[in-house]
Amino acid sequence: MAKDVPLIKELLLRYLRDEGLETPLNEHRLIGKWPEVVGNVIAQRTGRMEIANRVLYVQILSASLRNSLMYNRRVLVERLNGAVGATVIDDIVFR
């Protein structure tokens, strides 16, 4: 009988999926993980962030930092998705 009882986590995930809330929640979580993934120094030089069509748009306040991040964006995509535990973004655009 215990096997038939779904875990609360499973019920919540199913509810979020059914209500179309899973993606917005994961997007919010991914943006919140930015400082953890890139570090505080880079996070402090980051402006506005938004996700649209599975692309993370990040405003970078330094041109040299923007260039450096461009070369590492594939790694950042993997690390950010990994931090959330889901494939939320496919690419990053630095502005």
PDB file of N, CA and C in Angstrom:
ATOM      1  N   MET A   1       0.819  -1.194   0.000  1.00  0.00           N
ATOM      2  CA  MET A   1       0.000   0.000   0.000  1.00  0.00           C
ATOM      3  C   MET A   1       0.866   1.263   0.000  1.00  0.00           C
ATOM      4  N   ALA A   2       1.981   1.233   0.687  1.00  0.00           N
ATOM      5  CA  ALA A   2       2.855   2.398   0.751  1.00  0.00           C
ATOM      6  C   ALA A   2       3.397   2.754  -0.630  1.00  0.00           C
ATOM      7  N   LYS A   3       3.561   1.772  -1.505  1.00  0.00           N
ATOM      8  CA  LYS A   3       4.061   2.039  -2.854  1.00  0.00           C
ATOM      9  C   LYS A   3       3.047   2.820  -3.684  1.00  0.00           C
ATOM     10  N   ASP A   4       1.774   2.673  -3.378  1.00  0.00           N
ATOM     11  CA  ASP A   4       0.725   3.345  -4.134  1.00  0.00           C
ATOM     12  C   ASP A   4       0.562   4.811  -3.758  1.00  0.00           C
ATOM     13  N   VAL A   5       1.101   5.213  -2.638  1.00  0.00           N
ATOM     14  CA  VAL A   5       0.961   6.588  -2.179  1.00  0.00           C
ATOM     15  C   VAL A   5       2.068   7.440  -2.816  1.00  0.00           C
ATOM     16  N   PRO A   6       1.700   8.403  -3.673  1.00  0.00           N
ATOM     17  CA  PRO A   6       2.728   9.230  -4.313  1.00  0.00           C
ATOM     18  C   PRO A   6       3.379  10.176  -3.301  1.00  0.00           C
ATOM     19  N   LEU A   7       4.626  10.445  -3.518  1.00  0.00           N
ATOM     20  CA  LEU A   7       5.336  11.374  -2.658  1.00  0.00           C
ATOM     21  C   LEU A   7       4.820  12.792  -2.892  1.00  0.00           C
ATOM     22  N   ILE A   8       4.903  13.612  -1.869  1.00  0.00           N
ATOM     23  CA  ILE A   8       4.452  14.996  -1.982  1.00  0.00           C
ATOM     24  C   ILE A   8       5.206  15.714  -3.096  1.00  0.00           C
ATOM     25  N   LYS A   9       6.512  15.440  -3.209  1.00  0.00           N
ATOM     26  CA  LYS A   9       7.317  16.069  -4.255  1.00  0.00           C
ATOM     27  C   LYS A   9       6.757  15.741  -5.637  1.00  0.00           C
ATOM     28  N   GLU A  10       6.414  14.477  -5.849  1.00  0.00           N
ATOM     29  CA  GLU A  10       5.862  14.061  -7.140  1.00  0.00           C
ATOM     30  C   GLU A  10       4.529  14.747  -7.415  1.00  0.00           C
ATOM     31  N   LEU A  11       3.705  14.862  -6.390  1.00  0.00           N
ATOM     32  CA  LEU A  11       2.413  15.529  -6.551  1.00  0.00           C
ATOM     33  C   LEU A  11       2.591  17.005  -6.894  1.00  0.00           C
ATOM     34  N   LEU A  12       3.514  17.665  -6.213  1.00  0.00           N
ATOM     35  CA  LEU A  12       3.772  19.079  -6.496  1.00  0.00           C
ATOM     36  C   LEU A  12       4.314  19.281  -7.904  1.00  0.00           C
ATOM     37  N   LEU A  13       5.261  18.429  -8.307  1.00  0.00           N
ATOM     38  CA  LEU A  13       5.810  18.534  -9.663  1.00  0.00           C
ATOM     39  C   LEU A  13       4.727  18.304 -10.721  1.00  0.00           C
ATOM     40  N   ARG A  14       3.878  17.334 -10.482  1.00  0.00           N
ATOM     41  CA  ARG A  14       2.790  17.049 -11.427  1.00  0.00           C
ATOM     42  C   ARG A  14       1.831  18.242 -11.507  1.00  0.00           C
ATOM     43  N   TYR A  15       1.509  18.824 -10.343  1.00  0.00           N
ATOM     44  CA  TYR A  15       0.626  19.989 -10.306  1.00  0.00           C
ATOM     45  C   TYR A  15       1.242  21.162 -11.076  1.00  0.00           C
ATOM     46  N   LEU A  16       2.524  21.443 -10.814  1.00  0.00           N
ATOM     47  CA  LEU A  16       3.196  22.549 -11.499  1.00  0.00           C
ATOM     48  C   LEU A  16       3.197  22.339 -13.009  1.00  0.00           C
ATOM     49  N   ARG A  17       3.476  21.110 -13.427  1.00  0.00           N
ATOM     50  CA  ARG A  17       3.487  20.777 -14.852  1.00  0.00           C
ATOM     51  C   ARG A  17       2.090  20.962 -15.454  1.00  0.00           C
ATOM     52  N   ASP A  18       1.084  20.429 -14.773  1.00  0.00           N
ATOM     53  CA  ASP A  18      -0.287  20.508 -15.279  1.00  0.00           C
ATOM     54  C   ASP A  18      -0.789  21.946 -15.384  1.00  0.00           C
ATOM     55  N   GLU A  19      -0.361  22.785 -14.467  1.00  0.00           N
ATOM     56  CA  GLU A  19      -0.808  24.181 -14.449  1.00  0.00           C
ATOM     57  C   GLU A  19       0.080  25.103 -15.287  1.00  0.00           C
ATOM     58  N   GLY A  20       1.117  24.555 -15.908  1.00  0.00           N
ATOM     59  CA  GLY A  20       2.012  25.357 -16.731  1.00  0.00           C
ATOM     60  C   GLY A  20       2.936  26.253 -15.923  1.00  0.00           C
ATOM     61  N   LEU A  21       3.214  25.868 -14.689  1.00  0.00           N
ATOM     62  CA  LEU A  21       4.046  26.683 -13.802  1.00  0.00           C
ATOM     63  C   LEU A  21       5.467  26.170 -13.662  1.00  0.00           C
ATOM     64  N   GLU A  22       5.744  24.990 -14.171  1.00  0.00           N
ATOM     65  CA  GLU A  22       7.071  24.400 -14.004  1.00  0.00           C
ATOM     66  C   GLU A  22       8.148  25.228 -14.720  1.00  0.00           C
ATOM     67  N   THR A  23       7.891  25.626 -15.952  1.00  0.00           N
ATOM     68  CA  THR A  23       8.886  26.394 -16.709  1.00  0.00           C
ATOM     69  C   THR A  23       9.162  27.757 -16.078  1.00  0.00           C
ATOM     70  N   PRO A  24       8.139  28.563 -15.751  1.00  0.00           N
ATOM     71  CA  PRO A  24       8.435  29.851 -15.102  1.00  0.00           C
ATOM     72  C   PRO A  24       9.166  29.690 -13.768  1.00  0.00           C
ATOM     73  N   LEU A  25       8.835  28.667 -13.022  1.00  0.00           N
ATOM     74  CA  LEU A  25       9.519  28.426 -11.752  1.00  0.00           C
ATOM     75  C   LEU A  25      10.984  28.092 -11.992  1.00  0.00           C
ATOM     76  N   ASN A  26      11.264  27.222 -12.949  1.00  0.00           N
ATOM     77  CA  ASN A  26      12.652  26.867 -13.269  1.00  0.00           C
ATOM     78  C   ASN A  26      13.429  28.064 -13.814  1.00  0.00           C
ATOM     79  N   GLU A  27      12.774  28.911 -14.598  1.00  0.00           N
ATOM     80  CA  GLU A  27      13.440  30.113 -15.102  1.00  0.00           C
ATOM     81  C   GLU A  27      13.830  31.034 -13.947  1.00  0.00           C
ATOM     82  N   HIS A  28      12.930  31.217 -13.009  1.00  0.00           N
ATOM     83  CA  HIS A  28      13.209  32.044 -11.829  1.00  0.00           C
ATOM     84  C   HIS A  28      14.357  31.447 -11.015  1.00  0.00           C
ATOM     85  N   ARG A  29      14.336  30.150 -10.834  1.00  0.00           N
ATOM     86  CA  ARG A  29      15.403  29.477 -10.087  1.00  0.00           C
ATOM     87  C   ARG A  29      16.743  29.624 -10.802  1.00  0.00           C
ATOM     88  N   LEU A  30      16.753  29.498 -12.131  1.00  0.00           N
ATOM     89  CA  LEU A  30      17.995  29.612 -12.894  1.00  0.00           C
ATOM     90  C   LEU A  30      18.605  31.004 -12.741  1.00  0.00           C
ATOM     91  N   ILE A  31      17.795  32.034 -12.863  1.00  0.00           N
ATOM     92  CA  ILE A  31      18.305  33.396 -12.693  1.00  0.00           C
ATOM     93  C   ILE A  31      18.843  33.583 -11.277  1.00  0.00           C
ATOM     94  N   GLY A  32      18.197  32.984 -10.300  1.00  0.00           N
ATOM     95  CA  GLY A  32      18.671  33.062  -8.920  1.00  0.00           C
ATOM     96  C   GLY A  32      19.994  32.348  -8.699  1.00  0.00           C
ATOM     97  N   LYS A  33      20.309  31.373  -9.545  1.00  0.00           N
ATOM     98  CA  LYS A  33      21.565  30.620  -9.427  1.00  0.00           C
ATOM     99  C   LYS A  33      22.744  31.327 -10.097  1.00  0.00           C
ATOM    100  N   TRP A  34      22.490  32.385 -10.845  1.00  0.00           N
ATOM    101  CA  TRP A  34      23.546  33.093 -11.568  1.00  0.00           C
ATOM    102  C   TRP A  34      24.741  33.446 -10.679  1.00  0.00           C
ATOM    103  N   PRO A  35      24.557  34.109  -9.522  1.00  0.00           N
ATOM    104  CA  PRO A  35      25.721  34.447  -8.683  1.00  0.00           C
ATOM    105  C   PRO A  35      26.500  33.218  -8.209  1.00  0.00           C
ATOM    106  N   GLU A  36      25.790  32.157  -7.916  1.00  0.00           N
ATOM    107  CA  GLU A  36      26.438  30.920  -7.464  1.00  0.00           C
ATOM    108  C   GLU A  36      27.296  30.312  -8.578  1.00  0.00           C
ATOM    109  N   VAL A  37      26.819  30.373  -9.808  1.00  0.00           N
ATOM    110  CA  VAL A  37      27.516  29.754 -10.939  1.00  0.00           C
ATOM    111  C   VAL A  37      28.688  30.612 -11.425  1.00  0.00           C
ATOM    112  N   VAL A  38      28.484  31.928 -11.515  1.00  0.00           N
ATOM    113  CA  VAL A  38      29.536  32.785 -12.074  1.00  0.00           C
ATOM    114  C   VAL A  38      30.417  33.432 -11.013  1.00  0.00           C
ATOM    115  N   GLY A  39      29.971  33.434  -9.780  1.00  0.00           N
ATOM    116  CA  GLY A  39      30.735  34.073  -8.708  1.00  0.00           C
ATOM    117  C   GLY A  39      30.267  35.503  -8.465  1.00  0.00           C
ATOM    118  N   ASN A  40      30.566  36.016  -7.290  1.00  0.00           N
ATOM    119  CA  ASN A  40      30.080  37.341  -6.889  1.00  0.00           C
ATOM    120  C   ASN A  40      30.667  38.482  -7.704  1.00  0.00           C
ATOM    121  N   VAL A  41      31.931  38.363  -8.102  1.00  0.00           N
ATOM    122  CA  VAL A  41      32.571  39.452  -8.854  1.00  0.00           C
ATOM    123  C   VAL A  41      31.841  39.685 -10.173  1.00  0.00           C
ATOM    124  N   ILE A  42      31.577  38.618 -10.903  1.00  0.00           N
ATOM    125  CA  ILE A  42      30.857  38.743 -12.181  1.00  0.00           C
ATOM    126  C   ILE A  42      29.402  39.128 -11.930  1.00  0.00           C
ATOM    127  N   ALA A  43      28.787  38.537 -10.923  1.00  0.00           N
ATOM    128  CA  ALA A  43      27.386  38.838 -10.617  1.00  0.00           C
ATOM    129  C   ALA A  43      27.194  40.322 -10.301  1.00  0.00           C
ATOM    130  N   GLN A  44      28.173  40.938  -9.669  1.00  0.00           N
ATOM    131  CA  GLN A  44      28.077  42.366  -9.344  1.00  0.00           C
ATOM    132  C   GLN A  44      28.184  43.240 -10.589  1.00  0.00           C
ATOM    133  N   ARG A  45      28.725  42.707 -11.659  1.00  0.00           N
ATOM    134  CA  ARG A  45      28.854  43.453 -12.912  1.00  0.00           C
ATOM    135  C   ARG A  45      27.778  43.048 -13.921  1.00  0.00           C
ATOM    136  N   THR A  46      26.744  42.420 -13.400  1.00  0.00           N
ATOM    137  CA  THR A  46      25.625  41.968 -14.215  1.00  0.00           C
ATOM    138  C   THR A  46      24.429  42.872 -13.964  1.00  0.00           C
ATOM    139  N   GLY A  47      23.786  43.268 -15.054  1.00  0.00           N
ATOM    140  CA  GLY A  47      22.575  44.074 -14.946  1.00  0.00           C
ATOM    141  C   GLY A  47      21.342  43.197 -15.072  1.00  0.00           C
ATOM    142  N   ARG A  48      20.426  43.637 -15.878  1.00  0.00           N
ATOM    143  CA  ARG A  48      19.140  42.961 -16.056  1.00  0.00           C
ATOM    144  C   ARG A  48      19.317  41.592 -16.708  1.00  0.00           C
ATOM    145  N   MET A  49      18.496  40.650 -16.261  1.00  0.00           N
ATOM    146  CA  MET A  49      18.494  39.298 -16.830  1.00  0.00           C
ATOM    147  C   MET A  49      17.054  38.896 -17.111  1.00  0.00           C
ATOM    148  N   GLU A  50      16.865  38.218 -18.241  1.00  0.00           N
ATOM    149  CA  GLU A  50      15.542  37.693 -18.571  1.00  0.00           C
ATOM    150  C   GLU A  50      15.696  36.477 -19.474  1.00  0.00           C
ATOM    151  N   ILE A  51      14.680  35.636 -19.463  1.00  0.00           N
ATOM    152  CA  ILE A  51      14.672  34.443 -20.311  1.00  0.00           C
ATOM    153  C   ILE A  51      13.487  34.546 -21.257  1.00  0.00           C
ATOM    154  N   ALA A  52      13.760  34.334 -22.543  1.00  0.00           N
ATOM    155  CA  ALA A  52      12.711  34.309 -23.560  1.00  0.00           C
ATOM    156  C   ALA A  52      13.077  33.245 -24.581  1.00  0.00           C
ATOM    157  N   ASN A  53      12.130  32.381 -24.874  1.00  0.00           N
ATOM    158  CA  ASN A  53      12.332  31.322 -25.871  1.00  0.00           C
ATOM    159  C   ASN A  53      13.579  30.493 -25.590  1.00  0.00           C
ATOM    160  N   ARG A  54      13.767  30.135 -24.336  1.00  0.00           N
ATOM    161  CA  ARG A  54      14.865  29.274 -23.878  1.00  0.00           C
ATOM    162  C   ARG A  54      16.247  29.917 -24.054  1.00  0.00           C
ATOM    163  N   VAL A  55      16.279  31.252 -24.167  1.00  0.00           N
ATOM    164  CA  VAL A  55      17.534  31.997 -24.263  1.00  0.00           C
ATOM    165  C   VAL A  55      17.612  32.947 -23.070  1.00  0.00           C
ATOM    166  N   LEU A  56      18.737  32.897 -22.362  1.00  0.00           N
ATOM    167  CA  LEU A  56      18.980  33.805 -21.246  1.00  0.00           C
ATOM    168  C   LEU A  56      19.665  35.056 -21.786  1.00  0.00           C
ATOM    169  N   TYR A  57      19.042  36.206 -21.584  1.00  0.00           N
ATOM    170  CA  TYR A  57      19.608  37.490 -21.982  1.00  0.00           C
ATOM    171  C   TYR A  57      20.172  38.153 -20.733  1.00  0.00           C
ATOM    172  N   VAL A  58      21.462  38.497 -20.793  1.00  0.00           N
ATOM    173  CA  VAL A  58      22.151  39.045 -19.629  1.00  0.00           C
ATOM    174  C   VAL A  58      22.817  40.360 -20.009  1.00  0.00           C
ATOM    175  N   GLN A  59      22.519  41.399 -19.255  1.00  0.00           N
ATOM    176  CA  GLN A  59      23.192  42.683 -19.451  1.00  0.00           C
ATOM    177  C   GLN A  59      24.487  42.652 -18.656  1.00  0.00           C
ATOM    178  N   ILE A  60      25.598  42.857 -19.346  1.00  0.00           N
ATOM    179  CA  ILE A  60      26.916  42.881 -18.708  1.00  0.00           C
ATOM    180  C   ILE A  60      27.430  44.317 -18.763  1.00  0.00           C
ATOM    181  N   LEU A  61      27.873  44.820 -17.623  1.00  0.00           N
ATOM    182  CA  LEU A  61      28.242  46.222 -17.499  1.00  0.00           C
ATOM    183  C   LEU A  61      29.672  46.527 -17.931  1.00  0.00           C
ATOM    184  N   SER A  62      30.412  45.525 -18.397  1.00  0.00           N
ATOM    185  CA  SER A  62      31.800  45.707 -18.819  1.00  0.00           C
ATOM    186  C   SER A  62      32.008  45.010 -20.164  1.00  0.00           C
ATOM    187  N   ALA A  63      32.530  45.748 -21.134  1.00  0.00           N
ATOM    188  CA  ALA A  63      32.750  45.182 -22.472  1.00  0.00           C
ATOM    189  C   ALA A  63      33.768  44.046 -22.448  1.00  0.00           C
ATOM    190  N   SER A  64      34.832  44.201 -21.678  1.00  0.00           N
ATOM    191  CA  SER A  64      35.851  43.144 -21.626  1.00  0.00           C
ATOM    192  C   SER A  64      35.296  41.885 -20.962  1.00  0.00           C
ATOM    193  N   LEU A  65      34.488  42.057 -19.936  1.00  0.00           N
ATOM    194  CA  LEU A  65      33.857  40.904 -19.281  1.00  0.00           C
ATOM    195  C   LEU A  65      32.873  40.231 -20.233  1.00  0.00           C
ATOM    196  N   ARG A  66      32.138  41.028 -20.997  1.00  0.00           N
ATOM    197  CA  ARG A  66      31.187  40.479 -21.971  1.00  0.00           C
ATOM    198  C   ARG A  66      31.911  39.588 -22.972  1.00  0.00           C
ATOM    199  N   ASN A  67      33.058  40.035 -23.475  1.00  0.00           N
ATOM    200  CA  ASN A  67      33.848  39.225 -24.414  1.00  0.00           C
ATOM    201  C   ASN A  67      34.300  37.925 -23.776  1.00  0.00           C
ATOM    202  N   SER A  68      34.783  38.001 -22.563  1.00  0.00           N
ATOM    203  CA  SER A  68      35.251  36.809 -21.857  1.00  0.00           C
ATOM    204  C   SER A  68      34.118  35.806 -21.655  1.00  0.00           C
ATOM    205  N   LEU A  69      32.955  36.299 -21.273  1.00  0.00           N
ATOM    206  CA  LEU A  69      31.810  35.413 -21.043  1.00  0.00           C
ATOM    207  C   LEU A  69      31.314  34.786 -22.340  1.00  0.00           C
ATOM    208  N   MET A  70      31.421  35.507 -23.444  1.00  0.00           N
ATOM    209  CA  MET A  70      30.989  34.961 -24.737  1.00  0.00           C
ATOM    210  C   MET A  70      31.723  33.662 -25.063  1.00  0.00           C
ATOM    211  N   TYR A  71      33.007  33.612 -24.749  1.00  0.00           N
ATOM    212  CA  TYR A  71      33.799  32.416 -25.035  1.00  0.00           C
ATOM    213  C   TYR A  71      33.417  31.245 -24.143  1.00  0.00           C
ATOM    214  N   ASN A  72      32.802  31.525 -23.015  1.00  0.00           N
ATOM    215  CA  ASN A  72      32.461  30.472 -22.055  1.00  0.00           C
ATOM    216  C   ASN A  72      30.961  30.215 -21.958  1.00  0.00           C
ATOM    217  N   ARG A  73      30.182  30.708 -22.893  1.00  0.00           N
ATOM    218  CA  ARG A  73      28.732  30.616 -22.723  1.00  0.00           C
ATOM    219  C   ARG A  73      28.200  29.186 -22.774  1.00  0.00           C
ATOM    220  N   ARG A  74      28.803  28.300 -23.552  1.00  0.00           N
ATOM    221  CA  ARG A  74      28.346  26.896 -23.590  1.00  0.00           C
ATOM    222  C   ARG A  74      28.508  26.252 -22.210  1.00  0.00           C
ATOM    223  N   VAL A  75      29.636  26.504 -21.579  1.00  0.00           N
ATOM    224  CA  VAL A  75      29.892  25.961 -20.238  1.00  0.00           C
ATOM    225  C   VAL A  75      28.900  26.554 -19.247  1.00  0.00           C
ATOM    226  N   LEU A  76      28.630  27.845 -19.371  1.00  0.00           N
ATOM    227  CA  LEU A  76      27.678  28.495 -18.468  1.00  0.00           C
ATOM    228  C   LEU A  76      26.272  27.931 -18.635  1.00  0.00           C
ATOM    229  N   VAL A  77      25.870  27.661 -19.870  1.00  0.00           N
ATOM    230  CA  VAL A  77      24.552  27.055 -20.117  1.00  0.00           C
ATOM    231  C   VAL A  77      24.459  25.722 -19.387  1.00  0.00           C
ATOM    232  N   GLU A  78      25.479  24.889 -19.529  1.00  0.00           N
ATOM    233  CA  GLU A  78      25.485  23.577 -18.874  1.00  0.00           C
ATOM    234  C   GLU A  78      25.448  23.707 -17.357  1.00  0.00           C
ATOM    235  N   ARG A  79      26.255  24.615 -16.813  1.00  0.00           N
ATOM    236  CA  ARG A  79      26.313  24.780 -15.357  1.00  0.00           C
ATOM    237  C   ARG A  79      25.015  25.344 -14.788  1.00  0.00           C
ATOM    238  N   LEU A  80      24.425  26.303 -15.478  1.00  0.00           N
ATOM    239  CA  LEU A  80      23.166  26.875 -14.999  1.00  0.00           C
ATOM    240  C   LEU A  80      22.043  25.843 -15.040  1.00  0.00           C
ATOM    241  N   ASN A  81      21.934  25.122 -16.149  1.00  0.00           N
ATOM    242  CA  ASN A  81      20.922  24.065 -16.234  1.00  0.00           C
ATOM    243  C   ASN A  81      21.163  23.004 -15.167  1.00  0.00           C
ATOM    244  N   GLY A  82      22.427  22.652 -14.953  1.00  0.00           N
ATOM    245  CA  GLY A  82      22.762  21.663 -13.932  1.00  0.00           C
ATOM    246  C   GLY A  82      22.410  22.132 -12.535  1.00  0.00           C
ATOM    247  N   ALA A  83      22.591  23.419 -12.268  1.00  0.00           N
ATOM    248  CA  ALA A  83      22.278  23.963 -10.946  1.00  0.00           C
ATOM    249  C   ALA A  83      20.784  23.891 -10.654  1.00  0.00           C
ATOM    250  N   VAL A  84      19.973  23.982 -11.707  1.00  0.00           N
ATOM    251  CA  VAL A  84      18.522  23.911 -11.547  1.00  0.00           C
ATOM    252  C   VAL A  84      18.035  22.467 -11.604  1.00  0.00           C
ATOM    253  N   GLY A  85      18.789  21.621 -12.293  1.00  0.00           N
ATOM    254  CA  GLY A  85      18.381  20.229 -12.433  1.00  0.00           C
ATOM    255  C   GLY A  85      17.403  20.006 -13.568  1.00  0.00           C
ATOM    256  N   ALA A  86      17.388  20.928 -14.529  1.00  0.00           N
ATOM    257  CA  ALA A  86      16.499  20.810 -15.689  1.00  0.00           C
ATOM    258  C   ALA A  86      17.102  21.612 -16.839  1.00  0.00           C
ATOM    259  N   THR A  87      16.734  21.254 -18.061  1.00  0.00           N
ATOM    260  CA  THR A  87      17.185  22.019 -19.219  1.00  0.00           C
ATOM    261  C   THR A  87      16.228  23.190 -19.401  1.00  0.00           C
ATOM    262  N   VAL A  88      16.650  24.343 -18.920  1.00  0.00           N
ATOM    263  CA  VAL A  88      15.812  25.540 -18.938  1.00  0.00           C
ATOM    264  C   VAL A  88      16.188  26.448 -20.101  1.00  0.00           C
ATOM    265  N   ILE A  89      17.502  26.554 -20.377  1.00  0.00           N
ATOM    266  CA  ILE A  89      17.972  27.421 -21.462  1.00  0.00           C
ATOM    267  C   ILE A  89      18.832  26.624 -22.433  1.00  0.00           C
ATOM    268  N   ASP A  90      18.865  27.098 -23.675  1.00  0.00           N
ATOM    269  CA  ASP A  90      19.710  26.498 -24.707  1.00  0.00           C
ATOM    270  C   ASP A  90      20.876  27.405 -25.077  1.00  0.00           C
ATOM    271  N   ASP A  91      20.765  28.692 -24.737  1.00  0.00           N
ATOM    272  CA  ASP A  91      21.805  29.639 -25.129  1.00  0.00           C
ATOM    273  C   ASP A  91      21.774  30.843 -24.195  1.00  0.00           C
ATOM    274  N   ILE A  92      22.849  31.633 -24.249  1.00  0.00           N
ATOM    275  CA  ILE A  92      22.943  32.885 -23.497  1.00  0.00           C
ATOM    276  C   ILE A  92      23.366  33.975 -24.469  1.00  0.00           C
ATOM    277  N   VAL A  93      22.713  35.118 -24.377  1.00  0.00           N
ATOM    278  CA  VAL A  93      23.087  36.295 -25.157  1.00  0.00           C
ATOM    279  C   VAL A  93      23.511  37.366 -24.164  1.00  0.00           C
ATOM    280  N   PHE A  94      24.728  37.864 -24.340  1.00  0.00           N
ATOM    281  CA  PHE A  94      25.245  38.921 -23.470  1.00  0.00           C
ATOM    282  C   PHE A  94      25.083  40.254 -24.185  1.00  0.00           C
ATOM    283  N   ARG A  95      24.533  41.225 -23.476  1.00  0.00           N
ATOM    284  CA  ARG A  95      24.280  42.554 -24.059  1.00  0.00           C
ATOM    285  C   ARG A  95      25.108  43.588 -23.357  1.00  0.00           C
TER     286      ARG A  95
END
